[in-house]
Amino acid sequence: MRIFFNTATLYKTWICIIIISCLTHLQATGQTKGFNAAVVGGINASQIDGDDFAGFNKFGLSGGLKVGYYIKPSISLSTELLFNQSGSRSSLKIGSPVEDIKIHLNYLELPILISLHDWKIDDTYHKVRAEAGLSVGYLFDATTTNSFFNDDADDFTKQSINFVAGIGYHFTEHVAISARYTRSFNTLYENPRTLIRGLLGYFFTFRLEYHI
């Protein structure tokens, strides 16, 4: 297990200050038209391409804050501050004689997305949306269990650049659900001392959203 406290704390604090400062300024000046915010939370089902395991067997938490702005009536830009758990796991079978092998990765992520909205209700909100964009993640905790990587946690890449795509559905103006696919562009692990190929992470997110 390897935890990178100092840099992660600075990273999180810096992002929080920017988001809070922007929201405070908008509230103080009354310039909130077109802006929206949400609290989001759910689960990730993840795996890593290159670790020789198949299936989305690794489950983790996902949660954070979302801020968006409508640049056109049906198009919005948004950014989020998220805590995401991802990684991989050999099997979900309980009582299996084979040792459970896990890679557990905790990230702070900052996605930037463009969303297309449709099916407007009472001129107040859209029922459905499709979104896509990029995210930057910072790895602040890497844990391995019975893994080849047990002694090389430092070699997990601290930053990840990811492609993100998803859909969302509103039950009401404030309550929505969404599903999202995230895949890394850069490798998650590099160690020139070994012959292990670079690992690529990807996961599905299923979450509940409360829009303010």
N, C-alpha and C. Protein backbone atom coordinates (compact mmCIF):
# COMPACT_ATOMS: atom_id res chain seq x y z
N MET A 1 0.84 -1.20 0.00
CA MET A 1 0.00 0.00 0.00
C MET A 1 0.87 1.25 0.00
N ARG A 2 0.47 2.24 -0.81
CA ARG A 2 1.23 3.47 -0.89
C ARG A 2 0.26 4.64 -0.95
N ILE A 3 0.37 5.57 -0.03
CA ILE A 3 -0.52 6.72 0.01
C ILE A 3 0.29 7.99 -0.21
N PHE A 4 -0.20 8.85 -1.11
CA PHE A 4 0.51 10.07 -1.46
C PHE A 4 -0.27 11.26 -0.89
N PHE A 5 -0.10 11.51 0.42
CA PHE A 5 -0.94 12.48 1.10
C PHE A 5 -0.69 13.92 0.68
N ASN A 6 0.55 14.37 0.71
CA ASN A 6 0.83 15.79 0.59
C ASN A 6 0.36 16.38 -0.73
N THR A 7 0.78 15.77 -1.85
CA THR A 7 0.40 16.30 -3.14
C THR A 7 -1.10 16.19 -3.37
N ALA A 8 -1.69 15.09 -2.93
CA ALA A 8 -3.13 14.92 -3.11
C ALA A 8 -3.91 15.97 -2.35
N THR A 9 -3.47 16.28 -1.13
CA THR A 9 -4.15 17.29 -0.34
C THR A 9 -4.08 18.66 -1.01
N LEU A 10 -2.92 19.01 -1.54
CA LEU A 10 -2.77 20.28 -2.24
C LEU A 10 -3.65 20.32 -3.49
N TYR A 11 -3.67 19.22 -4.21
CA TYR A 11 -4.47 19.11 -5.44
C TYR A 11 -5.96 19.31 -5.12
N LYS A 12 -6.44 18.62 -4.11
CA LYS A 12 -7.85 18.71 -3.73
C LYS A 12 -8.19 20.11 -3.24
N THR A 13 -7.33 20.69 -2.40
CA THR A 13 -7.59 22.02 -1.86
C THR A 13 -7.64 23.06 -2.97
N TRP A 14 -6.71 22.96 -3.93
CA TRP A 14 -6.65 23.93 -5.03
C TRP A 14 -7.93 23.90 -5.85
N ILE A 15 -8.42 22.70 -6.19
CA ILE A 15 -9.63 22.58 -6.99
C ILE A 15 -10.85 23.09 -6.21
N CYS A 16 -10.93 22.73 -4.92
CA CYS A 16 -12.06 23.18 -4.09
C CYS A 16 -12.10 24.70 -3.99
N ILE A 17 -10.95 25.33 -3.82
CA ILE A 17 -10.90 26.78 -3.71
C ILE A 17 -11.42 27.43 -4.99
N ILE A 18 -11.02 26.91 -6.15
CA ILE A 18 -11.47 27.47 -7.42
C ILE A 18 -12.98 27.34 -7.57
N ILE A 19 -13.51 26.14 -7.30
CA ILE A 19 -14.95 25.92 -7.47
C ILE A 19 -15.76 26.76 -6.49
N ILE A 20 -15.37 26.77 -5.22
CA ILE A 20 -16.10 27.54 -4.22
C ILE A 20 -16.03 29.03 -4.51
N SER A 21 -14.89 29.51 -4.94
CA SER A 21 -14.73 30.93 -5.26
C SER A 21 -15.63 31.33 -6.41
N CYS A 22 -15.71 30.49 -7.44
CA CYS A 22 -16.56 30.80 -8.58
C CYS A 22 -18.04 30.83 -8.20
N LEU A 23 -18.47 29.82 -7.42
CA LEU A 23 -19.86 29.77 -7.00
C LEU A 23 -20.22 30.94 -6.09
N THR A 24 -19.30 31.29 -5.17
CA THR A 24 -19.53 32.42 -4.27
C THR A 24 -19.66 33.72 -5.05
N HIS A 25 -18.81 33.91 -6.05
CA HIS A 25 -18.87 35.12 -6.86
C HIS A 25 -20.18 35.21 -7.62
N LEU A 26 -20.61 34.09 -8.20
CA LEU A 26 -21.86 34.08 -8.96
C LEU A 26 -23.05 34.38 -8.07
N GLN A 27 -23.04 33.81 -6.87
CA GLN A 27 -24.14 34.04 -5.94
C GLN A 27 -24.17 35.49 -5.47
N ALA A 28 -23.01 36.05 -5.20
CA ALA A 28 -22.93 37.42 -4.70
C ALA A 28 -23.37 38.43 -5.75
N THR A 29 -23.08 38.15 -7.04
CA THR A 29 -23.42 39.09 -8.10
C THR A 29 -24.75 38.79 -8.76
N GLY A 30 -25.37 37.68 -8.36
CA GLY A 30 -26.67 37.31 -8.93
C GLY A 30 -26.57 36.77 -10.34
N GLN A 31 -25.40 36.38 -10.79
CA GLN A 31 -25.21 35.91 -12.16
C GLN A 31 -25.32 34.39 -12.22
N THR A 32 -26.43 33.86 -11.78
CA THR A 32 -26.61 32.41 -11.73
C THR A 32 -27.44 31.88 -12.89
N LYS A 33 -27.94 32.76 -13.76
CA LYS A 33 -28.75 32.31 -14.88
C LYS A 33 -27.92 31.44 -15.81
N GLY A 34 -28.44 30.26 -16.14
CA GLY A 34 -27.73 29.35 -17.02
C GLY A 34 -26.83 28.38 -16.28
N PHE A 35 -26.56 28.65 -15.00
CA PHE A 35 -25.70 27.76 -14.22
C PHE A 35 -26.55 26.73 -13.47
N ASN A 36 -25.97 25.58 -13.25
CA ASN A 36 -26.63 24.55 -12.44
C ASN A 36 -25.56 23.77 -11.70
N ALA A 37 -25.95 23.16 -10.59
CA ALA A 37 -25.01 22.38 -9.78
C ALA A 37 -25.71 21.12 -9.30
N ALA A 38 -24.91 20.10 -8.98
CA ALA A 38 -25.48 18.83 -8.53
C ALA A 38 -24.50 18.12 -7.60
N VAL A 39 -25.08 17.32 -6.71
CA VAL A 39 -24.31 16.39 -5.89
C VAL A 39 -24.52 15.01 -6.48
N VAL A 40 -23.44 14.26 -6.71
CA VAL A 40 -23.53 12.97 -7.40
C VAL A 40 -22.88 11.88 -6.56
N GLY A 41 -23.40 10.67 -6.68
CA GLY A 41 -22.82 9.54 -5.97
C GLY A 41 -23.27 8.23 -6.56
N GLY A 42 -22.38 7.23 -6.56
CA GLY A 42 -22.74 5.93 -7.11
C GLY A 42 -21.60 4.93 -6.98
N ILE A 43 -21.56 3.97 -7.91
CA ILE A 43 -20.55 2.92 -7.87
C ILE A 43 -19.85 2.81 -9.22
N ASN A 44 -18.60 2.34 -9.17
CA ASN A 44 -17.83 2.02 -10.36
C ASN A 44 -17.66 0.51 -10.48
N ALA A 45 -17.71 0.00 -11.70
CA ALA A 45 -17.34 -1.38 -12.00
C ALA A 45 -16.17 -1.31 -12.97
N SER A 46 -14.99 -1.75 -12.53
CA SER A 46 -13.78 -1.46 -13.30
C SER A 46 -12.95 -2.70 -13.58
N GLN A 47 -12.06 -2.56 -14.56
CA GLN A 47 -11.04 -3.55 -14.84
C GLN A 47 -9.85 -2.86 -15.48
N ILE A 48 -8.75 -3.60 -15.63
CA ILE A 48 -7.53 -3.06 -16.20
C ILE A 48 -7.09 -3.95 -17.35
N ASP A 49 -6.90 -3.34 -18.51
CA ASP A 49 -6.44 -4.06 -19.68
C ASP A 49 -4.93 -4.27 -19.57
N GLY A 50 -4.49 -5.53 -19.52
CA GLY A 50 -3.07 -5.83 -19.42
C GLY A 50 -2.70 -6.59 -18.16
N ASP A 51 -3.66 -6.78 -17.24
CA ASP A 51 -3.35 -7.52 -16.01
C ASP A 51 -3.73 -8.99 -16.09
N ASP A 52 -4.20 -9.43 -17.29
CA ASP A 52 -4.55 -10.83 -17.56
C ASP A 52 -5.80 -11.29 -16.82
N PHE A 53 -6.61 -10.36 -16.30
CA PHE A 53 -7.90 -10.71 -15.70
C PHE A 53 -9.01 -10.20 -16.61
N ALA A 54 -10.13 -10.91 -16.63
CA ALA A 54 -11.27 -10.52 -17.44
C ALA A 54 -12.46 -10.21 -16.55
N GLY A 55 -13.32 -9.31 -17.01
CA GLY A 55 -14.53 -8.99 -16.28
C GLY A 55 -14.41 -7.77 -15.41
N PHE A 56 -15.53 -7.07 -15.23
CA PHE A 56 -15.58 -5.88 -14.39
C PHE A 56 -15.85 -6.31 -12.94
N ASN A 57 -14.86 -6.95 -12.33
CA ASN A 57 -15.02 -7.55 -11.01
C ASN A 57 -14.68 -6.61 -9.86
N LYS A 58 -14.07 -5.49 -10.13
CA LYS A 58 -13.65 -4.57 -9.08
C LYS A 58 -14.68 -3.46 -8.93
N PHE A 59 -15.33 -3.42 -7.77
CA PHE A 59 -16.32 -2.39 -7.49
C PHE A 59 -15.74 -1.34 -6.56
N GLY A 60 -16.17 -0.10 -6.75
CA GLY A 60 -15.69 0.99 -5.91
C GLY A 60 -16.70 2.12 -5.88
N LEU A 61 -16.41 3.11 -5.06
CA LEU A 61 -17.31 4.24 -4.89
C LEU A 61 -16.96 5.37 -5.86
N SER A 62 -17.98 6.16 -6.17
CA SER A 62 -17.80 7.37 -6.97
C SER A 62 -18.69 8.45 -6.39
N GLY A 63 -18.16 9.65 -6.22
CA GLY A 63 -18.98 10.72 -5.67
C GLY A 63 -18.30 12.07 -5.77
N GLY A 64 -19.12 13.12 -5.72
CA GLY A 64 -18.54 14.46 -5.76
C GLY A 64 -19.55 15.52 -6.12
N LEU A 65 -19.05 16.60 -6.71
CA LEU A 65 -19.85 17.77 -7.07
C LEU A 65 -19.76 18.04 -8.56
N LYS A 66 -20.81 18.61 -9.10
CA LYS A 66 -20.87 18.94 -10.52
C LYS A 66 -21.38 20.36 -10.69
N VAL A 67 -20.75 21.13 -11.60
CA VAL A 67 -21.19 22.48 -11.93
C VAL A 67 -21.28 22.58 -13.44
N GLY A 68 -22.41 23.10 -13.95
CA GLY A 68 -22.59 23.21 -15.40
C GLY A 68 -23.11 24.57 -15.81
N TYR A 69 -22.96 24.85 -17.11
CA TYR A 69 -23.45 26.12 -17.65
C TYR A 69 -23.98 25.87 -19.06
N TYR A 70 -25.20 26.37 -19.33
CA TYR A 70 -25.81 26.23 -20.65
C TYR A 70 -25.27 27.30 -21.58
N ILE A 71 -24.53 26.86 -22.61
CA ILE A 71 -24.03 27.81 -23.61
C ILE A 71 -25.06 28.02 -24.71
N LYS A 72 -25.98 27.06 -24.86
CA LYS A 72 -27.13 27.16 -25.75
C LYS A 72 -28.30 26.47 -25.06
N PRO A 73 -29.53 26.66 -25.54
CA PRO A 73 -30.68 26.06 -24.84
C PRO A 73 -30.59 24.56 -24.62
N SER A 74 -29.91 23.84 -25.52
CA SER A 74 -29.83 22.39 -25.37
C SER A 74 -28.39 21.88 -25.28
N ILE A 75 -27.43 22.76 -25.07
CA ILE A 75 -26.02 22.37 -24.97
C ILE A 75 -25.41 23.00 -23.72
N SER A 76 -24.72 22.20 -22.93
CA SER A 76 -24.09 22.72 -21.73
C SER A 76 -22.66 22.22 -21.60
N LEU A 77 -21.86 23.00 -20.90
CA LEU A 77 -20.52 22.61 -20.50
C LEU A 77 -20.53 22.38 -19.00
N SER A 78 -19.79 21.38 -18.53
CA SER A 78 -19.77 21.10 -17.10
C SER A 78 -18.40 20.62 -16.66
N THR A 79 -18.14 20.79 -15.39
CA THR A 79 -16.95 20.24 -14.76
C THR A 79 -17.35 19.62 -13.44
N GLU A 80 -16.57 18.66 -12.99
CA GLU A 80 -16.89 17.94 -11.76
C GLU A 80 -15.64 17.76 -10.92
N LEU A 81 -15.82 17.66 -9.64
CA LEU A 81 -14.75 17.26 -8.72
C LEU A 81 -15.18 15.94 -8.11
N LEU A 82 -14.48 14.85 -8.46
CA LEU A 82 -14.92 13.51 -8.10
C LEU A 82 -13.87 12.73 -7.32
N PHE A 83 -14.34 11.88 -6.42
CA PHE A 83 -13.54 10.82 -5.81
C PHE A 83 -13.95 9.53 -6.50
N ASN A 84 -12.99 8.84 -7.12
CA ASN A 84 -13.29 7.61 -7.85
C ASN A 84 -12.38 6.48 -7.39
N GLN A 85 -12.98 5.32 -7.13
CA GLN A 85 -12.22 4.11 -6.83
C GLN A 85 -12.30 3.17 -8.03
N SER A 86 -11.12 2.71 -8.49
CA SER A 86 -11.09 1.81 -9.63
C SER A 86 -10.01 0.76 -9.39
N GLY A 87 -9.67 0.00 -10.44
CA GLY A 87 -8.66 -1.05 -10.32
C GLY A 87 -9.11 -2.32 -11.00
N SER A 88 -8.72 -3.46 -10.44
CA SER A 88 -9.11 -4.75 -11.00
C SER A 88 -9.12 -5.80 -9.90
N ARG A 89 -9.80 -6.91 -10.21
CA ARG A 89 -9.91 -8.01 -9.26
C ARG A 89 -9.99 -9.32 -10.04
N SER A 90 -9.37 -10.36 -9.51
CA SER A 90 -9.30 -11.62 -10.24
C SER A 90 -10.65 -12.32 -10.33
N SER A 91 -11.46 -12.25 -9.27
CA SER A 91 -12.71 -13.00 -9.27
C SER A 91 -13.64 -12.45 -8.20
N LEU A 92 -14.95 -12.66 -8.41
CA LEU A 92 -15.94 -12.31 -7.40
C LEU A 92 -16.48 -13.54 -6.67
N LYS A 93 -15.93 -14.73 -6.97
CA LYS A 93 -16.44 -15.96 -6.39
C LYS A 93 -16.06 -16.08 -4.91
N ILE A 94 -17.08 -16.28 -4.07
CA ILE A 94 -16.85 -16.46 -2.64
C ILE A 94 -16.51 -17.92 -2.35
N GLY A 95 -15.47 -18.12 -1.54
CA GLY A 95 -15.07 -19.47 -1.20
C GLY A 95 -14.21 -20.16 -2.24
N SER A 96 -13.73 -19.40 -3.25
CA SER A 96 -12.88 -19.99 -4.27
C SER A 96 -11.53 -20.35 -3.67
N PRO A 97 -10.94 -21.52 -4.03
CA PRO A 97 -9.63 -21.90 -3.50
C PRO A 97 -8.49 -21.05 -4.04
N VAL A 98 -8.75 -20.32 -5.12
CA VAL A 98 -7.73 -19.46 -5.72
C VAL A 98 -7.66 -18.15 -4.94
N GLU A 99 -6.43 -17.69 -4.65
CA GLU A 99 -6.26 -16.44 -3.92
C GLU A 99 -6.85 -15.27 -4.68
N ASP A 100 -7.54 -14.40 -3.95
CA ASP A 100 -8.12 -13.21 -4.54
C ASP A 100 -7.01 -12.19 -4.80
N ILE A 101 -6.89 -11.75 -6.05
CA ILE A 101 -5.87 -10.79 -6.44
C ILE A 101 -6.56 -9.48 -6.77
N LYS A 102 -6.11 -8.38 -6.14
CA LYS A 102 -6.77 -7.10 -6.33
C LYS A 102 -5.76 -5.98 -6.53
N ILE A 103 -6.14 -5.03 -7.36
CA ILE A 103 -5.47 -3.74 -7.48
C ILE A 103 -6.52 -2.68 -7.18
N HIS A 104 -6.29 -1.88 -6.15
CA HIS A 104 -7.26 -0.88 -5.70
C HIS A 104 -6.63 0.51 -5.84
N LEU A 105 -7.25 1.36 -6.65
CA LEU A 105 -6.72 2.69 -6.95
C LEU A 105 -7.74 3.75 -6.59
N ASN A 106 -7.31 4.76 -5.81
CA ASN A 106 -8.16 5.88 -5.44
C ASN A 106 -7.70 7.13 -6.18
N TYR A 107 -8.63 7.78 -6.85
CA TYR A 107 -8.32 8.97 -7.64
C TYR A 107 -9.17 10.17 -7.23
N LEU A 108 -8.59 11.35 -7.36
CA LEU A 108 -9.34 12.59 -7.46
C LEU A 108 -9.40 12.94 -8.94
N GLU A 109 -10.60 13.18 -9.46
CA GLU A 109 -10.74 13.41 -10.90
C GLU A 109 -11.47 14.71 -11.18
N LEU A 110 -11.07 15.33 -12.29
CA LEU A 110 -11.67 16.58 -12.74
C LEU A 110 -12.10 16.42 -14.20
N PRO A 111 -13.34 15.96 -14.46
CA PRO A 111 -13.82 15.85 -15.84
C PRO A 111 -14.29 17.22 -16.37
N ILE A 112 -14.13 17.41 -17.67
CA ILE A 112 -14.69 18.56 -18.37
C ILE A 112 -15.50 17.99 -19.54
N LEU A 113 -16.81 18.26 -19.55
CA LEU A 113 -17.72 17.58 -20.47
C LEU A 113 -18.58 18.57 -21.24
N ILE A 114 -18.99 18.17 -22.43
CA ILE A 114 -20.03 18.86 -23.16
C ILE A 114 -21.23 17.93 -23.25
N SER A 115 -22.42 18.47 -23.00
CA SER A 115 -23.64 17.65 -22.94
C SER A 115 -24.68 18.17 -23.91
N LEU A 116 -25.38 17.24 -24.55
CA LEU A 116 -26.52 17.56 -25.42
C LEU A 116 -27.79 17.14 -24.70
N HIS A 117 -28.75 18.06 -24.55
CA HIS A 117 -29.98 17.80 -23.78
C HIS A 117 -31.19 17.76 -24.72
N ASP A 118 -32.19 16.95 -24.34
CA ASP A 118 -33.40 16.84 -25.15
C ASP A 118 -34.58 16.51 -24.24
N TRP A 119 -35.80 16.58 -24.83
CA TRP A 119 -37.06 16.26 -24.16
C TRP A 119 -37.29 17.23 -22.99
N LYS A 120 -37.53 18.48 -23.35
CA LYS A 120 -37.71 19.52 -22.33
C LYS A 120 -39.09 19.42 -21.70
N ILE A 121 -39.15 19.58 -20.38
CA ILE A 121 -40.39 19.47 -19.61
C ILE A 121 -40.75 20.82 -19.01
N ASP A 122 -41.93 21.33 -19.38
CA ASP A 122 -42.48 22.57 -18.80
C ASP A 122 -41.49 23.73 -18.82
N ASP A 123 -40.64 23.73 -19.82
CA ASP A 123 -39.67 24.82 -19.98
C ASP A 123 -38.77 24.99 -18.76
N THR A 124 -38.56 23.91 -17.98
CA THR A 124 -37.73 24.02 -16.77
C THR A 124 -36.51 23.11 -16.81
N TYR A 125 -36.63 21.89 -17.36
CA TYR A 125 -35.49 20.97 -17.40
C TYR A 125 -35.66 19.98 -18.53
N HIS A 126 -34.56 19.33 -18.92
CA HIS A 126 -34.56 18.29 -19.95
C HIS A 126 -34.55 16.92 -19.29
N LYS A 127 -35.29 15.98 -19.91
CA LYS A 127 -35.36 14.64 -19.35
C LYS A 127 -34.10 13.82 -19.63
N VAL A 128 -33.50 13.99 -20.79
CA VAL A 128 -32.39 13.13 -21.18
C VAL A 128 -31.19 13.97 -21.63
N ARG A 129 -30.01 13.36 -21.54
CA ARG A 129 -28.79 14.02 -22.02
C ARG A 129 -27.78 12.96 -22.44
N ALA A 130 -26.91 13.35 -23.35
CA ALA A 130 -25.73 12.57 -23.73
C ALA A 130 -24.52 13.47 -23.54
N GLU A 131 -23.41 12.92 -23.05
CA GLU A 131 -22.26 13.74 -22.71
C GLU A 131 -20.98 13.05 -23.09
N ALA A 132 -19.94 13.85 -23.34
CA ALA A 132 -18.62 13.31 -23.66
C ALA A 132 -17.59 14.37 -23.34
N GLY A 133 -16.36 13.92 -23.08
CA GLY A 133 -15.29 14.86 -22.78
C GLY A 133 -14.05 14.16 -22.27
N LEU A 134 -13.24 14.91 -21.56
CA LEU A 134 -11.98 14.41 -21.02
C LEU A 134 -11.95 14.62 -19.52
N SER A 135 -11.14 13.82 -18.84
CA SER A 135 -10.94 14.01 -17.41
C SER A 135 -9.47 13.83 -17.08
N VAL A 136 -9.04 14.55 -16.04
CA VAL A 136 -7.70 14.42 -15.51
C VAL A 136 -7.82 13.85 -14.10
N GLY A 137 -7.09 12.78 -13.83
CA GLY A 137 -7.15 12.15 -12.51
C GLY A 137 -5.80 12.18 -11.82
N TYR A 138 -5.84 12.28 -10.48
CA TYR A 138 -4.62 12.19 -9.69
C TYR A 138 -4.72 11.02 -8.73
N LEU A 139 -3.82 10.09 -8.84
CA LEU A 139 -3.79 8.91 -7.97
C LEU A 139 -3.17 9.28 -6.61
N PHE A 140 -3.96 9.12 -5.54
CA PHE A 140 -3.41 9.44 -4.21
C PHE A 140 -3.32 8.21 -3.30
N ASP A 141 -3.80 7.05 -3.78
CA ASP A 141 -3.72 5.84 -2.96
C ASP A 141 -3.70 4.63 -3.87
N ALA A 142 -2.67 3.80 -3.76
CA ALA A 142 -2.59 2.57 -4.53
C ALA A 142 -2.39 1.40 -3.58
N THR A 143 -3.29 0.41 -3.64
CA THR A 143 -3.23 -0.75 -2.77
C THR A 143 -3.30 -2.01 -3.62
N THR A 144 -2.43 -2.98 -3.35
CA THR A 144 -2.46 -4.25 -4.07
C THR A 144 -2.54 -5.40 -3.08
N THR A 145 -3.21 -6.47 -3.48
CA THR A 145 -3.36 -7.67 -2.64
C THR A 145 -2.98 -8.90 -3.46
N ASN A 146 -1.99 -9.65 -2.99
CA ASN A 146 -1.54 -10.88 -3.66
C ASN A 146 -1.19 -10.62 -5.12
N SER A 147 -0.66 -9.46 -5.41
CA SER A 147 -0.41 -9.05 -6.79
C SER A 147 1.08 -9.00 -7.09
N PHE A 148 1.41 -9.13 -8.37
CA PHE A 148 2.78 -8.95 -8.84
C PHE A 148 3.31 -7.57 -8.48
N PHE A 149 2.40 -6.60 -8.33
CA PHE A 149 2.78 -5.21 -8.12
C PHE A 149 2.91 -4.83 -6.64
N ASN A 150 2.89 -5.80 -5.74
CA ASN A 150 2.89 -5.51 -4.31
C ASN A 150 4.05 -4.62 -3.88
N ASP A 151 5.23 -4.82 -4.43
CA ASP A 151 6.40 -4.07 -4.01
C ASP A 151 6.71 -2.89 -4.91
N ASP A 152 5.81 -2.58 -5.85
CA ASP A 152 6.10 -1.53 -6.83
C ASP A 152 4.96 -0.51 -6.93
N ALA A 153 4.34 -0.17 -5.80
CA ALA A 153 3.23 0.78 -5.83
C ALA A 153 3.66 2.14 -6.34
N ASP A 154 4.93 2.50 -6.14
CA ASP A 154 5.41 3.80 -6.60
C ASP A 154 5.41 3.91 -8.12
N ASP A 155 5.35 2.78 -8.82
CA ASP A 155 5.42 2.81 -10.27
C ASP A 155 4.06 3.00 -10.93
N PHE A 156 2.98 3.06 -10.15
CA PHE A 156 1.70 3.42 -10.72
C PHE A 156 1.72 4.90 -11.08
N THR A 157 1.27 5.22 -12.27
CA THR A 157 1.30 6.60 -12.76
C THR A 157 0.40 7.48 -11.92
N LYS A 158 0.94 8.61 -11.48
CA LYS A 158 0.19 9.48 -10.57
C LYS A 158 -0.93 10.24 -11.29
N GLN A 159 -0.71 10.62 -12.55
CA GLN A 159 -1.74 11.32 -13.31
C GLN A 159 -2.30 10.42 -14.40
N SER A 160 -3.59 10.55 -14.64
CA SER A 160 -4.22 9.82 -15.74
C SER A 160 -5.05 10.80 -16.57
N ILE A 161 -5.00 10.59 -17.89
CA ILE A 161 -5.82 11.36 -18.83
C ILE A 161 -6.83 10.38 -19.41
N ASN A 162 -8.12 10.74 -19.34
CA ASN A 162 -9.17 9.79 -19.67
C ASN A 162 -10.18 10.35 -20.66
N PHE A 163 -10.74 9.45 -21.45
CA PHE A 163 -11.91 9.75 -22.27
C PHE A 163 -13.16 9.38 -21.48
N VAL A 164 -14.18 10.23 -21.55
CA VAL A 164 -15.41 10.01 -20.79
C VAL A 164 -16.61 10.16 -21.72
N ALA A 165 -17.58 9.26 -21.61
CA ALA A 165 -18.84 9.37 -22.35
C ALA A 165 -19.95 8.78 -21.50
N GLY A 166 -21.14 9.38 -21.60
CA GLY A 166 -22.23 8.87 -20.78
C GLY A 166 -23.59 9.38 -21.19
N ILE A 167 -24.61 8.91 -20.48
CA ILE A 167 -25.99 9.34 -20.70
C ILE A 167 -26.62 9.60 -19.34
N GLY A 168 -27.69 10.42 -19.34
CA GLY A 168 -28.40 10.71 -18.10
C GLY A 168 -29.89 10.80 -18.33
N TYR A 169 -30.65 10.55 -17.27
CA TYR A 169 -32.12 10.61 -17.34
C TYR A 169 -32.65 11.25 -16.07
N HIS A 170 -33.50 12.29 -16.25
CA HIS A 170 -34.11 13.00 -15.12
C HIS A 170 -35.49 12.42 -14.82
N PHE A 171 -35.72 12.02 -13.57
CA PHE A 171 -37.07 11.66 -13.12
C PHE A 171 -37.86 12.91 -12.80
N THR A 172 -37.20 13.88 -12.16
CA THR A 172 -37.79 15.17 -11.86
C THR A 172 -36.76 16.25 -12.17
N GLU A 173 -37.09 17.48 -11.88
CA GLU A 173 -36.15 18.57 -12.11
C GLU A 173 -34.88 18.39 -11.29
N HIS A 174 -34.99 17.77 -10.12
CA HIS A 174 -33.86 17.67 -9.21
C HIS A 174 -33.21 16.29 -9.15
N VAL A 175 -33.95 15.23 -9.47
CA VAL A 175 -33.45 13.87 -9.29
C VAL A 175 -33.19 13.23 -10.65
N ALA A 176 -31.97 12.68 -10.80
CA ALA A 176 -31.59 12.04 -12.06
C ALA A 176 -30.69 10.86 -11.79
N ILE A 177 -30.57 9.99 -12.80
CA ILE A 177 -29.60 8.90 -12.78
C ILE A 177 -28.73 9.04 -14.02
N SER A 178 -27.54 8.45 -13.97
CA SER A 178 -26.66 8.51 -15.13
C SER A 178 -25.77 7.29 -15.18
N ALA A 179 -25.30 6.98 -16.38
CA ALA A 179 -24.33 5.90 -16.61
C ALA A 179 -23.20 6.48 -17.45
N ARG A 180 -21.97 6.06 -17.14
CA ARG A 180 -20.81 6.68 -17.76
C ARG A 180 -19.71 5.63 -17.98
N TYR A 181 -18.99 5.82 -19.10
CA TYR A 181 -17.84 4.98 -19.42
C TYR A 181 -16.59 5.86 -19.40
N THR A 182 -15.55 5.41 -18.69
CA THR A 182 -14.29 6.14 -18.59
C THR A 182 -13.14 5.21 -18.97
N ARG A 183 -12.25 5.68 -19.85
CA ARG A 183 -11.10 4.88 -20.27
C ARG A 183 -9.85 5.76 -20.31
N SER A 184 -8.76 5.24 -19.79
CA SER A 184 -7.53 6.02 -19.74
C SER A 184 -6.82 5.99 -21.08
N PHE A 185 -6.21 7.14 -21.44
CA PHE A 185 -5.37 7.22 -22.63
C PHE A 185 -3.95 6.76 -22.31
N ASN A 186 -3.44 7.19 -21.17
CA ASN A 186 -2.07 6.83 -20.80
C ASN A 186 -2.05 5.58 -19.92
N THR A 187 -0.91 4.92 -19.87
CA THR A 187 -0.79 3.70 -19.09
C THR A 187 -0.77 4.01 -17.60
N LEU A 188 -1.33 3.10 -16.80
CA LEU A 188 -1.43 3.29 -15.36
C LEU A 188 -0.18 2.83 -14.62
N TYR A 189 0.67 2.07 -15.32
CA TYR A 189 1.84 1.50 -14.64
C TYR A 189 2.99 1.39 -15.62
N GLU A 190 4.15 1.89 -15.21
CA GLU A 190 5.34 1.79 -16.05
C GLU A 190 6.55 1.54 -15.18
N ASN A 191 7.26 0.48 -15.48
CA ASN A 191 8.47 0.15 -14.74
C ASN A 191 9.50 -0.41 -15.73
N PRO A 192 10.50 0.38 -16.09
CA PRO A 192 11.48 -0.08 -17.07
C PRO A 192 12.30 -1.28 -16.60
N ARG A 193 12.25 -1.61 -15.31
CA ARG A 193 13.03 -2.74 -14.79
C ARG A 193 12.33 -4.07 -15.07
N THR A 194 11.07 -4.00 -15.46
CA THR A 194 10.32 -5.23 -15.72
C THR A 194 9.88 -5.28 -17.17
N LEU A 195 9.36 -6.43 -17.55
CA LEU A 195 8.84 -6.60 -18.91
C LEU A 195 7.32 -6.45 -18.94
N ILE A 196 6.73 -5.98 -17.81
CA ILE A 196 5.28 -5.84 -17.75
C ILE A 196 4.84 -4.72 -18.69
N ARG A 197 3.89 -5.03 -19.55
CA ARG A 197 3.39 -4.02 -20.47
C ARG A 197 2.56 -2.99 -19.71
N GLY A 198 2.38 -1.83 -20.32
CA GLY A 198 1.61 -0.79 -19.67
C GLY A 198 0.16 -1.20 -19.46
N LEU A 199 -0.44 -0.77 -18.38
CA LEU A 199 -1.81 -1.12 -18.05
C LEU A 199 -2.74 0.03 -18.42
N LEU A 200 -3.88 -0.28 -19.00
CA LEU A 200 -4.89 0.71 -19.34
C LEU A 200 -6.14 0.44 -18.53
N GLY A 201 -6.63 1.44 -17.80
CA GLY A 201 -7.79 1.26 -16.95
C GLY A 201 -9.06 1.76 -17.60
N TYR A 202 -10.15 1.10 -17.30
CA TYR A 202 -11.45 1.58 -17.75
C TYR A 202 -12.53 1.07 -16.80
N PHE A 203 -13.61 1.84 -16.71
CA PHE A 203 -14.68 1.47 -15.79
C PHE A 203 -16.00 2.10 -16.20
N PHE A 204 -17.07 1.47 -15.74
CA PHE A 204 -18.43 2.00 -15.89
C PHE A 204 -18.86 2.58 -14.55
N THR A 205 -19.55 3.71 -14.62
CA THR A 205 -20.07 4.36 -13.42
C THR A 205 -21.59 4.44 -13.50
N PHE A 206 -22.25 4.05 -12.42
CA PHE A 206 -23.70 4.16 -12.32
C PHE A 206 -24.00 5.01 -11.07
N ARG A 207 -24.70 6.12 -11.26
CA ARG A 207 -24.81 7.04 -10.14
C ARG A 207 -26.17 7.74 -10.07
N LEU A 208 -26.45 8.25 -8.89
CA LEU A 208 -27.63 9.06 -8.61
C LEU A 208 -27.19 10.51 -8.49
N GLU A 209 -28.00 11.43 -9.06
CA GLU A 209 -27.65 12.84 -9.05
C GLU A 209 -28.78 13.67 -8.42
N TYR A 210 -28.41 14.61 -7.59
CA TYR A 210 -29.40 15.57 -7.06
C TYR A 210 -29.00 16.96 -7.55
N HIS A 211 -29.82 17.54 -8.41
CA HIS A 211 -29.55 18.85 -9.02
C HIS A 211 -30.17 19.96 -8.20
N ILE A 212 -29.35 20.93 -7.87
CA ILE A 212 -29.79 22.05 -7.02
C ILE A 212 -30.46 23.12 -7.87
